[in-house]
């Protein structure tokens, strides 16, 4: 089997490195009891550079101004972005645009996709625990109002918390259910967007462990017509899988960045006249974390490959995604904990960027959900689809 990446995927990585390598990961301090520092918006300058490098349109087809690449290419780019804690909604934007293109109506595509491809419109997704074990799609309900088609629509009620990038994005996709599964993805304007906010839609500020502004999105009898909805029942599962796998890619990139930082530090820090990297106890811990990262990588590519190709397997796609999430959730936590241990007190210094990686790792871990929940889901799949 050939495990090498295609020329197009490798070109995306090279473009990503050119954009993200100069980024300083400590450009925005994490909030604390003393500083209270909070990032007001995502990194607009970096967003513009990513747009110029065609990194915002990876999953959009050439018909709408995109590159027409796959989930593997997106995950490769996300991995590079996470090494420097790039503060742009690249994952949510890309997954939302791909979902609109695959399942949205023609009018919605024409309105959203060309501007999403070049960065004029930023997209995000409202799904509490969007990649974890709690079903985010159950948080908002939808009921049909009037006839299907022109003149008809839906009424949405419910709350979604911890919506990422909501204060800087232009549109947010909100999954909603009718009681028997997800029926719609509502495309709603964000506070900074150029659309008029429908009555009953409100945003309230929340703050994440990373120092980013999140939002509680509340829908109280929000009326939407079919033009602003994606009604295909396959839309949310695809969006969910893209978000989950992309979050695993972010965890992998963050972990690789942390391990490199720790390796550089251990090679310079001396105890008893020798670099601590030469001590067996330090080398063993670093080796264990390297193994974690390679397992995170292998399970990530398996899930991304199945999403990108639609290939079948012994288990449904949900099984590969569950395995990737299990490794990413536990792995990123172990990598950062070991890094903190090997750095000693220096790792807790807020003038050193490791504390920011720790905060982002905790945010990703909570987004992914506990590994035990994904292992339980995998067990259910194995029971339903016995192998051999």
Protein backbone atom coordinates (compact mmCIF):
# COMPACT_ATOMS: atom_id res chain seq x y z
CA UNK A 1 0.00 0.00 0.00
CA UNK A 2 1.15 3.55 -0.78
CA UNK A 3 0.93 5.80 2.26
CA UNK A 4 2.53 8.86 0.67
CA UNK A 5 0.53 12.04 0.24
CA UNK A 6 -0.42 13.31 -3.20
CA UNK A 7 1.36 16.24 -4.84
CA UNK A 8 -1.65 18.45 -4.20
CA UNK A 9 -1.73 17.49 -0.51
CA UNK A 10 2.01 18.11 -0.15
CA UNK A 11 1.61 21.49 -1.85
CA UNK A 12 -1.06 22.39 0.71
CA UNK A 13 1.38 21.52 3.52
CA UNK A 14 4.10 23.69 2.00
CA UNK A 15 1.69 26.60 1.68
CA UNK A 16 0.55 26.11 5.27
CA UNK A 17 4.11 26.11 6.58
CA UNK A 18 4.85 29.33 4.73
CA UNK A 19 1.82 30.96 6.37
CA UNK A 20 2.00 29.52 9.89
CA UNK A 21 5.70 29.05 10.67
CA UNK A 22 6.31 32.78 11.40
CA UNK A 23 3.38 32.92 13.88
CA UNK A 24 4.28 33.46 17.53
CA UNK A 25 2.22 31.08 19.72
CA UNK A 26 2.32 33.46 22.69
CA UNK A 27 0.87 36.45 20.80
CA UNK A 28 -2.25 36.51 22.98
CA UNK A 29 -1.92 35.73 26.71
CA UNK A 30 -4.22 33.24 28.33
CA UNK A 31 -6.77 34.66 30.78
CA UNK A 32 -5.88 34.45 34.45
CA UNK A 33 -7.16 35.64 37.77
CA UNK A 34 -4.80 38.59 37.56
CA UNK A 35 -4.69 39.57 33.89
CA UNK A 36 -8.19 38.77 32.67
CA UNK A 37 -6.79 38.93 29.12
CA UNK A 38 -9.25 37.93 26.40
CA UNK A 39 -8.82 37.92 22.63
CA UNK A 40 -11.46 40.18 21.10
CA UNK A 41 -11.32 38.66 17.61
CA UNK A 42 -9.51 35.99 15.66
CA UNK A 43 -6.24 36.90 13.93
CA UNK A 44 -7.45 38.90 10.92
CA UNK A 45 -3.97 39.39 9.46
CA UNK A 46 -3.33 35.67 9.56
CA UNK A 47 -6.79 35.02 8.09
CA UNK A 48 -5.90 37.24 5.13
CA UNK A 49 -2.61 35.40 4.62
CA UNK A 50 -4.39 32.05 4.74
CA UNK A 51 -6.87 33.31 2.16
CA UNK A 52 -4.07 34.51 -0.13
CA UNK A 53 -2.49 31.04 0.11
CA UNK A 54 -5.84 29.38 -0.79
CA UNK A 55 -6.00 27.60 2.58
CA UNK A 56 -9.59 28.68 3.26
CA UNK A 57 -10.97 26.96 0.15
CA UNK A 58 -9.38 23.53 0.38
CA UNK A 59 -12.68 21.62 0.43
CA UNK A 60 -14.59 23.95 -1.91
CA UNK A 61 -14.76 22.82 -5.53
CA UNK A 62 -13.19 24.86 -8.37
CA UNK A 63 -16.72 25.72 -9.54
CA UNK A 64 -17.04 28.01 -6.51
CA UNK A 65 -13.44 29.21 -6.38
CA UNK A 66 -11.88 26.44 -4.31
CA UNK A 67 -9.12 23.86 -4.60
CA UNK A 68 -11.37 20.79 -4.55
CA UNK A 69 -9.12 18.82 -2.18
CA UNK A 70 -10.12 16.32 0.52
CA UNK A 71 -10.21 15.83 4.27
CA UNK A 72 -6.60 14.62 4.36
CA UNK A 73 -5.40 17.91 2.87
CA UNK A 74 -7.44 19.86 5.41
CA UNK A 75 -6.04 17.81 8.31
CA UNK A 76 -2.49 18.30 7.04
CA UNK A 77 -3.01 22.07 7.06
CA UNK A 78 -4.75 22.02 10.44
CA UNK A 79 -1.81 20.13 11.92
CA UNK A 80 0.56 22.89 10.80
CA UNK A 81 -1.74 25.59 12.17
CA UNK A 82 -1.96 23.95 15.59
CA UNK A 83 1.82 23.79 16.01
CA UNK A 84 1.75 27.56 16.49
CA UNK A 85 -1.77 27.86 17.95
CA UNK A 86 -3.04 29.76 14.93
CA UNK A 87 -6.07 31.79 16.01
CA UNK A 88 -8.32 31.49 12.96
CA UNK A 89 -11.54 29.44 12.44
CA UNK A 90 -9.94 27.29 9.75
CA UNK A 91 -11.54 24.01 10.86
CA UNK A 92 -15.08 25.30 11.39
CA UNK A 93 -14.97 27.45 8.26
CA UNK A 94 -13.74 24.63 6.02
CA UNK A 95 -16.15 22.02 7.39
CA UNK A 96 -19.14 24.37 7.17
CA UNK A 97 -18.31 25.41 3.60
CA UNK A 98 -17.91 21.79 2.49
CA UNK A 99 -21.25 20.89 4.04
CA UNK A 100 -23.07 23.81 2.41
CA UNK A 101 -21.61 22.86 -0.95
CA UNK A 102 -22.50 19.18 -0.61
CA UNK A 103 -26.03 19.61 0.73
CA UNK A 104 -27.16 23.24 0.47
CA UNK A 105 -29.52 24.78 -2.06
CA UNK A 106 -28.26 26.59 -5.14
CA UNK A 107 -29.14 30.05 -3.81
CA UNK A 108 -27.32 29.41 -0.53
CA UNK A 109 -24.26 28.12 -2.38
CA UNK A 110 -24.10 31.16 -4.62
CA UNK A 111 -24.40 33.49 -1.64
CA UNK A 112 -21.89 31.76 0.65
CA UNK A 113 -19.27 29.73 -1.20
CA UNK A 114 -17.43 32.23 -3.45
CA UNK A 115 -17.00 34.64 -0.54
CA UNK A 116 -16.04 31.81 1.83
CA UNK A 117 -13.39 30.64 -0.64
CA UNK A 118 -11.53 33.95 -0.61
CA UNK A 119 -12.10 34.79 3.05
CA UNK A 120 -14.64 37.60 2.67
CA UNK A 121 -17.08 35.47 4.71
CA UNK A 122 -15.98 33.49 7.79
CA UNK A 123 -18.08 30.51 8.86
CA UNK A 124 -18.36 28.70 12.18
CA UNK A 125 -20.49 25.92 13.69
CA UNK A 126 -22.64 25.85 16.83
CA UNK A 127 -22.49 22.40 18.37
CA UNK A 128 -21.85 22.07 22.11
CA UNK A 129 -19.24 19.38 22.62
CA UNK A 130 -19.21 19.32 18.85
CA UNK A 131 -16.88 16.36 18.59
CA UNK A 132 -17.43 14.65 21.90
CA UNK A 133 -19.81 12.06 23.28
CA UNK A 134 -22.78 14.33 24.03
CA UNK A 135 -25.08 14.66 21.00
CA UNK A 136 -24.93 18.36 20.16
CA UNK A 137 -27.71 17.99 17.63
CA UNK A 138 -30.23 17.48 20.45
CA UNK A 139 -29.74 20.97 21.89
CA UNK A 140 -31.94 22.80 19.36
CA UNK A 141 -35.39 21.73 18.15
CA UNK A 142 -37.01 22.52 14.82
CA UNK A 143 -40.61 22.32 13.72
CA UNK A 144 -42.02 22.84 10.25
CA UNK A 145 -44.13 25.96 9.73
CA UNK A 146 -46.27 26.14 6.63
CA UNK A 147 -45.80 24.23 3.44
CA UNK A 148 -42.55 22.89 2.09
CA UNK A 149 -40.92 25.23 -0.43
CA UNK A 150 -41.43 28.99 -0.99
CA UNK A 151 -43.48 30.53 1.78
CA UNK A 152 -42.75 27.70 4.19
CA UNK A 153 -40.01 27.35 6.75
CA UNK A 154 -39.02 26.25 10.22
CA UNK A 155 -39.20 27.53 13.80
CA UNK A 156 -36.13 26.89 15.95
CA UNK A 157 -35.87 26.85 19.75
CA UNK A 158 -33.00 25.94 22.05
CA UNK A 159 -29.53 26.86 23.25
CA UNK A 160 -26.04 26.08 22.03
CA UNK A 161 -23.13 26.96 24.31
CA UNK A 162 -19.42 27.48 23.69
CA UNK A 163 -19.84 28.44 20.03
CA UNK A 164 -16.30 29.10 18.75
CA UNK A 165 -15.37 32.27 16.84
CA UNK A 166 -18.99 33.50 16.94
CA UNK A 167 -18.02 37.12 17.62
CA UNK A 168 -15.80 37.34 14.56
CA UNK A 169 -17.46 35.02 12.05
CA UNK A 170 -20.17 36.11 9.61
CA UNK A 171 -22.37 32.99 9.56
CA UNK A 172 -22.92 30.11 11.96
CA UNK A 173 -24.35 26.69 11.13
CA UNK A 174 -26.69 25.35 13.81
CA UNK A 175 -27.90 21.71 13.79
CA UNK A 176 -31.52 21.22 14.85
CA UNK A 177 -33.74 18.15 15.21
CA UNK A 178 -37.44 17.39 14.85
CA UNK A 179 -37.54 14.59 17.42
CA UNK A 180 -36.58 11.77 15.10
CA UNK A 181 -33.10 12.92 14.12
CA UNK A 182 -31.40 15.99 12.73
CA UNK A 183 -33.62 17.62 10.15
CA UNK A 184 -31.91 20.90 9.35
CA UNK A 185 -28.73 22.93 9.56
CA UNK A 186 -29.70 26.56 9.99
CA UNK A 187 -27.37 29.18 8.49
CA UNK A 188 -27.65 32.20 10.80
CA UNK A 189 -25.89 35.58 10.91
CA UNK A 190 -23.33 36.23 13.65
CA UNK A 191 -23.11 39.58 15.46
CA UNK A 192 -20.28 40.71 13.17
CA UNK A 193 -21.96 39.44 10.01
CA UNK A 194 -23.59 41.54 7.35
CA UNK A 195 -27.00 39.87 7.59
CA UNK A 196 -29.95 41.00 9.70
CA UNK A 197 -30.39 38.97 12.86
CA UNK A 198 -33.83 37.32 12.96
CA UNK A 199 -36.05 38.03 15.98
CA UNK A 200 -35.44 35.63 18.85
CA UNK A 201 -31.72 35.05 18.13
CA UNK A 202 -29.32 36.28 20.84
CA UNK A 203 -25.63 35.81 21.61
CA UNK A 204 -24.07 35.99 25.08
CA UNK A 205 -20.33 36.10 25.75
CA UNK A 206 -18.47 33.13 27.23
CA UNK A 207 -14.71 32.74 27.70
CA UNK A 208 -12.73 29.57 26.97
CA UNK A 209 -9.61 28.24 28.68
CA UNK A 210 -7.64 29.45 25.64
CA UNK A 211 -8.54 33.09 26.15
CA UNK A 212 -10.90 33.17 23.17
CA UNK A 213 -14.39 34.64 23.23
CA UNK A 214 -17.06 31.99 22.82
CA UNK A 215 -20.80 32.55 22.65
CA UNK A 216 -23.97 31.10 24.05
CA UNK A 217 -26.43 31.10 21.17
CA UNK A 218 -30.07 31.20 22.18
CA UNK A 219 -32.97 30.64 19.77
CA UNK A 220 -36.42 31.59 21.01
CA UNK A 221 -38.96 30.97 18.27
CA UNK A 222 -36.59 31.91 15.45
CA UNK A 223 -38.38 31.76 12.08
CA UNK A 224 -36.35 30.79 9.02
CA UNK A 225 -37.40 30.03 5.47
CA UNK A 226 -36.01 27.15 3.44
CA UNK A 227 -33.46 29.39 1.73
CA UNK A 228 -31.36 29.61 4.90
CA UNK A 229 -31.50 25.91 5.75
CA UNK A 230 -29.70 22.72 4.77
CA UNK A 231 -32.31 19.98 5.04
CA UNK A 232 -30.50 16.85 3.86
CA UNK A 233 -30.37 14.28 6.71
CA UNK A 234 -26.81 13.34 5.70
CA UNK A 235 -25.51 16.89 6.23
CA UNK A 236 -25.00 16.82 10.01
CA UNK A 237 -23.22 13.42 10.13
CA UNK A 238 -20.76 14.64 7.50
CA UNK A 239 -20.23 17.94 9.28
CA UNK A 240 -19.78 16.16 12.61
CA UNK A 241 -17.20 13.74 11.20
CA UNK A 242 -15.23 16.56 9.57
CA UNK A 243 -15.21 18.57 12.82
CA UNK A 244 -14.22 15.55 14.88
CA UNK A 245 -11.42 14.46 12.59
CA UNK A 246 -10.19 18.03 12.17
CA UNK A 247 -10.05 18.43 15.94
CA UNK A 248 -7.89 15.30 16.09
CA UNK A 249 -5.57 16.95 13.56
CA UNK A 250 -5.36 20.05 15.77
CA UNK A 251 -4.51 17.85 18.77
CA UNK A 252 -1.78 16.11 16.77
CA UNK A 253 -0.20 19.36 15.61
CA UNK A 254 -0.33 20.86 19.09
CA UNK A 255 1.25 17.73 20.55
CA UNK A 256 4.05 17.78 17.98
CA UNK A 257 4.73 21.42 18.73
CA UNK A 258 4.87 20.71 22.46
CA UNK A 259 7.17 17.69 22.08
CA UNK A 260 9.60 19.72 19.96
CA UNK A 261 9.57 22.52 22.54
CA UNK A 262 10.26 19.98 25.28
CA UNK A 263 13.05 18.31 23.30
CA UNK A 264 14.77 21.64 22.70
CA UNK A 265 14.48 22.56 26.38
CA UNK A 266 15.71 19.18 27.65
CA UNK A 267 18.74 19.39 25.34
CA UNK A 268 19.81 22.70 26.86
CA UNK A 269 18.75 22.37 30.52
CA UNK A 270 21.57 20.91 32.60
CA UNK A 271 21.49 19.06 35.91
CA UNK A 272 24.63 17.69 37.60
CA UNK A 273 26.66 18.94 34.65
CA UNK A 274 24.68 17.08 31.94
CA UNK A 275 21.68 17.96 29.73
CA UNK A 276 18.57 16.37 31.25
CA UNK A 277 17.83 14.84 27.83
CA UNK A 278 20.65 12.36 28.54
CA UNK A 279 18.89 11.01 31.64
CA UNK A 280 17.13 7.71 31.07
CA UNK A 281 13.97 8.72 32.96
CA UNK A 282 13.58 11.80 30.75
CA UNK A 283 14.28 9.89 27.53
CA UNK A 284 11.73 7.18 28.39
CA UNK A 285 8.98 9.72 29.08
CA UNK A 286 9.70 11.55 25.83
CA UNK A 287 9.69 8.24 23.92
CA UNK A 288 6.30 7.31 25.35
CA UNK A 289 4.86 10.61 24.18
CA UNK A 290 6.37 10.11 20.72
CA UNK A 291 4.52 6.79 20.56
CA UNK A 292 1.31 8.60 21.53
CA UNK A 293 1.77 11.04 18.67
CA UNK A 294 2.42 8.32 16.10
CA UNK A 295 -0.74 6.49 17.21
CA UNK A 296 -2.70 9.76 17.02
CA UNK A 297 -1.35 10.28 13.51
CA UNK A 298 -2.12 6.78 12.22
CA UNK A 299 -5.70 6.80 13.50
CA UNK A 300 -6.23 10.34 12.19
CA UNK A 301 -5.22 9.45 8.63
CA UNK A 302 -7.43 6.37 8.67
CA UNK A 303 -10.49 8.46 9.57
CA UNK A 304 -9.60 11.31 7.19
CA UNK A 305 -8.98 8.86 4.34
CA UNK A 306 -12.41 7.30 4.77
CA UNK A 307 -14.09 10.71 4.92
CA UNK A 308 -12.26 11.88 1.82
CA UNK A 309 -12.75 8.78 -0.30
CA UNK A 310 -16.02 7.43 1.03
CA UNK A 311 -14.32 4.03 1.24
CA UNK A 312 -16.05 1.26 3.11
CA UNK A 313 -14.61 -0.81 5.91
CA UNK A 314 -15.29 -3.57 8.37
CA UNK A 315 -16.99 -0.99 10.59
CA UNK A 316 -18.94 2.18 9.74
CA UNK A 317 -16.95 5.41 9.50
CA UNK A 318 -18.05 6.26 13.03
CA UNK A 319 -15.76 3.49 14.27
CA UNK A 320 -12.63 5.02 12.73
CA UNK A 321 -13.61 8.46 14.00
CA UNK A 322 -14.15 7.06 17.52
CA UNK A 323 -10.68 5.46 17.51
CA UNK A 324 -9.07 8.70 16.34
CA UNK A 325 -10.90 10.72 19.00
CA UNK A 326 -9.94 8.27 21.73
CA UNK A 327 -6.25 8.53 20.92
CA UNK A 328 -6.34 12.30 20.40
CA UNK A 329 -8.19 13.05 23.64
CA UNK A 330 -5.91 10.99 25.87
CA UNK A 331 -2.78 11.59 23.81
CA UNK A 332 -2.80 15.37 23.79
CA UNK A 333 -3.37 15.40 27.54
CA UNK A 334 -0.44 13.04 28.19
CA UNK A 335 1.90 14.96 25.91
CA UNK A 336 1.24 18.29 27.59
CA UNK A 337 1.39 16.84 31.11
CA UNK A 338 4.77 15.28 30.38
CA UNK A 339 5.99 18.55 28.90
CA UNK A 340 4.98 20.42 32.05
CA UNK A 341 6.73 17.81 34.20
CA UNK A 342 9.98 17.92 32.24
CA UNK A 343 10.02 21.72 32.15
CA UNK A 344 9.58 21.90 35.92
CA UNK A 345 8.57 25.29 37.30
CA UNK A 346 9.65 26.97 34.07
CA UNK A 347 6.69 25.34 32.30
CA UNK A 348 4.25 27.29 34.47
CA UNK A 349 5.86 30.66 33.68
CA UNK A 350 3.31 32.76 31.79
CA UNK A 351 6.16 34.45 29.89
CA UNK A 352 6.93 31.07 28.31
CA UNK A 353 4.48 29.76 25.66
CA UNK A 354 4.03 26.26 27.11
CA UNK A 355 1.20 27.47 29.35
CA UNK A 356 -0.76 28.48 26.25
CA UNK A 357 -0.32 25.04 24.71
CA UNK A 358 -1.58 23.56 27.97
CA UNK A 359 -4.71 25.73 27.86
CA UNK A 360 -5.41 24.88 24.20
CA UNK A 361 -4.79 21.18 24.85
CA UNK A 362 -7.35 21.19 27.64
CA UNK A 363 -9.85 22.93 25.36
CA UNK A 364 -9.31 20.30 22.65
CA UNK A 365 -9.55 17.47 25.16
CA UNK A 366 -12.88 18.77 26.45
CA UNK A 367 -14.14 19.26 22.89
CA UNK A 368 -13.25 15.69 21.97
CA UNK A 369 -14.77 14.19 25.10
CA UNK A 370 -13.33 11.40 27.27
CA UNK A 371 -11.61 8.48 25.58
CA UNK A 372 -13.71 6.02 27.59
CA UNK A 373 -16.90 7.31 25.94
CA UNK A 374 -15.44 6.75 22.47
CA UNK A 375 -14.27 3.28 23.44
CA UNK A 376 -17.80 2.51 24.60
CA UNK A 377 -19.17 3.75 21.27
CA UNK A 378 -16.64 1.58 19.46
CA UNK A 379 -17.74 -1.40 21.51
CA UNK A 380 -21.35 -0.82 20.51
CA UNK A 381 -20.31 -0.71 16.85
CA UNK A 382 -18.35 -3.92 17.18
CA UNK A 383 -21.34 -5.60 18.79
CA UNK A 384 -23.57 -4.45 15.95
CA UNK A 385 -21.03 -5.30 13.23
CA UNK A 386 -19.06 -8.36 14.42
CA UNK A 387 -15.79 -8.84 12.55
CA UNK A 388 -14.85 -12.06 10.83
